[in-house]
């Protein structure tokens, strides 16, 4: 049987449900949202696109030929 919630629980209600009444040492406070440290004007998506452009502009890396396995010679190129 699945329980359907009519509304989300507040932090105080969730605490009371998990831990009971608690005691006078437990106090709930609401923290104000802090302003961003740096206003760059960039979104995460802008940053991702810029990174992709930088990756695409690099020269392809030199990939060395595979080494011989178990002392055998590498297979001849077809």
C-alpha atoms as a PDB file:
ATOM      1  CA  UNK A   1       0.000   0.000   0.000  1.00  0.00           C
ATOM      2  CA  UNK A   2       1.463   3.335  -1.021  1.00  0.00           C
ATOM      3  CA  UNK A   3       1.035   6.360   1.229  1.00  0.00           C
ATOM      4  CA  UNK A   4       0.093   9.584  -0.550  1.00  0.00           C
ATOM      5  CA  UNK A   5       1.225  12.834   1.082  1.00  0.00           C
ATOM      6  CA  UNK A   6      -1.139  15.774   0.923  1.00  0.00           C
ATOM      7  CA  UNK A   7       1.634  18.336   1.490  1.00  0.00           C
ATOM      8  CA  UNK A   8       5.389  18.348   2.151  1.00  0.00           C
ATOM      9  CA  UNK A   9       6.508  18.273   5.784  1.00  0.00           C
ATOM     10  CA  UNK A  10       8.312  21.233   7.284  1.00  0.00           C
ATOM     11  CA  UNK A  11      11.717  20.679   8.848  1.00  0.00           C
ATOM     12  CA  UNK A  12      10.194  20.865  12.332  1.00  0.00           C
ATOM     13  CA  UNK A  13       7.504  18.308  11.434  1.00  0.00           C
ATOM     14  CA  UNK A  14      10.066  15.958   9.898  1.00  0.00           C
ATOM     15  CA  UNK A  15      12.301  16.231  12.993  1.00  0.00           C
ATOM     16  CA  UNK A  16       9.358  15.570  15.309  1.00  0.00           C
ATOM     17  CA  UNK A  17       8.338  12.563  13.232  1.00  0.00           C
ATOM     18  CA  UNK A  18      11.856  11.068  13.312  1.00  0.00           C
ATOM     19  CA  UNK A  19      12.995  11.981  16.829  1.00  0.00           C
ATOM     20  CA  UNK A  20       9.844  12.715  18.799  1.00  0.00           C
ATOM     21  CA  UNK A  21       9.310  15.986  20.624  1.00  0.00           C
ATOM     22  CA  UNK A  22      13.008  16.614  21.135  1.00  0.00           C
ATOM     23  CA  UNK A  23      14.020  18.912  23.956  1.00  0.00           C
ATOM     24  CA  UNK A  24      14.642  22.581  24.695  1.00  0.00           C
ATOM     25  CA  UNK A  25      18.167  22.313  23.216  1.00  0.00           C
ATOM     26  CA  UNK A  26      16.813  21.861  19.686  1.00  0.00           C
ATOM     27  CA  UNK A  27      15.926  25.078  17.920  1.00  0.00           C
ATOM     28  CA  UNK A  28      15.062  25.590  14.253  1.00  0.00           C
ATOM     29  CA  UNK A  29      16.373  28.712  12.599  1.00  0.00           C
ATOM     30  CA  UNK A  30      15.845  29.982   9.074  1.00  0.00           C
ATOM     31  CA  UNK A  31      19.036  31.164   7.397  1.00  0.00           C
ATOM     32  CA  UNK A  32      18.943  34.025   4.959  1.00  0.00           C
ATOM     33  CA  UNK A  33      20.244  33.267   1.516  1.00  0.00           C
ATOM     34  CA  UNK A  34      23.734  34.649   0.986  1.00  0.00           C
ATOM     35  CA  UNK A  35      24.443  36.747  -2.088  1.00  0.00           C
ATOM     36  CA  UNK A  36      26.761  35.169  -4.683  1.00  0.00           C
ATOM     37  CA  UNK A  37      30.439  35.732  -4.021  1.00  0.00           C
ATOM     38  CA  UNK A  38      31.277  36.687  -7.594  1.00  0.00           C
ATOM     39  CA  UNK A  39      28.914  38.039 -10.211  1.00  0.00           C
ATOM     40  CA  UNK A  40      30.431  36.606 -13.378  1.00  0.00           C
ATOM     41  CA  UNK A  41      27.365  36.777 -15.570  1.00  0.00           C
ATOM     42  CA  UNK A  42      28.160  33.265 -16.811  1.00  0.00           C
ATOM     43  CA  UNK A  43      25.884  30.308 -16.446  1.00  0.00           C
ATOM     44  CA  UNK A  44      27.056  26.737 -16.102  1.00  0.00           C
ATOM     45  CA  UNK A  45      25.920  26.107 -19.661  1.00  0.00           C
ATOM     46  CA  UNK A  46      28.037  29.053 -20.939  1.00  0.00           C
ATOM     47  CA  UNK A  47      31.049  27.647 -19.125  1.00  0.00           C
ATOM     48  CA  UNK A  48      30.477  24.164 -20.563  1.00  0.00           C
ATOM     49  CA  UNK A  49      30.241  25.528 -24.128  1.00  0.00           C
ATOM     50  CA  UNK A  50      33.422  27.571 -23.718  1.00  0.00           C
ATOM     51  CA  UNK A  51      35.228  24.474 -22.442  1.00  0.00           C
ATOM     52  CA  UNK A  52      34.037  22.430 -25.439  1.00  0.00           C
ATOM     53  CA  UNK A  53      35.282  25.124 -27.841  1.00  0.00           C
ATOM     54  CA  UNK A  54      38.667  25.096 -26.123  1.00  0.00           C
ATOM     55  CA  UNK A  55      38.854  21.296 -26.303  1.00  0.00           C
ATOM     56  CA  UNK A  56      37.884  21.273 -29.982  1.00  0.00           C
ATOM     57  CA  UNK A  57      40.550  23.852 -30.837  1.00  0.00           C
ATOM     58  CA  UNK A  58      43.399  21.710 -29.503  1.00  0.00           C
ATOM     59  CA  UNK A  59      45.626  19.773 -31.857  1.00  0.00           C
ATOM     60  CA  UNK A  60      44.989  16.047 -31.847  1.00  0.00           C
ATOM     61  CA  UNK A  61      47.293  14.200 -29.481  1.00  0.00           C
ATOM     62  CA  UNK A  62      49.866  11.830 -30.941  1.00  0.00           C
ATOM     63  CA  UNK A  63      48.826   8.274 -30.111  1.00  0.00           C
ATOM     64  CA  UNK A  64      51.768   5.842 -30.166  1.00  0.00           C
ATOM     65  CA  UNK A  65      51.423   2.478 -31.888  1.00  0.00           C
ATOM     66  CA  UNK A  66      50.460  -0.379 -29.568  1.00  0.00           C
ATOM     67  CA  UNK A  67      53.366  -2.296 -28.080  1.00  0.00           C
ATOM     68  CA  UNK A  68      53.965  -5.963 -28.806  1.00  0.00           C
ATOM     69  CA  UNK A  69      51.879  -8.282 -26.628  1.00  0.00           C
ATOM     70  CA  UNK A  70      53.579 -11.296 -24.998  1.00  0.00           C
ATOM     71  CA  UNK A  71      56.726 -10.755 -27.028  1.00  0.00           C
ATOM     72  CA  UNK A  72      54.986 -11.169 -30.381  1.00  0.00           C
ATOM     73  CA  UNK A  73      55.387  -8.704 -33.195  1.00  0.00           C
ATOM     74  CA  UNK A  74      52.585  -6.201 -33.903  1.00  0.00           C
ATOM     75  CA  UNK A  75      50.156  -7.289 -36.621  1.00  0.00           C
ATOM     76  CA  UNK A  76      50.885  -5.915 -40.068  1.00  0.00           C
ATOM     77  CA  UNK A  77      48.643  -3.074 -41.234  1.00  0.00           C
ATOM     78  CA  UNK A  78      46.149  -4.149 -43.873  1.00  0.00           C
END
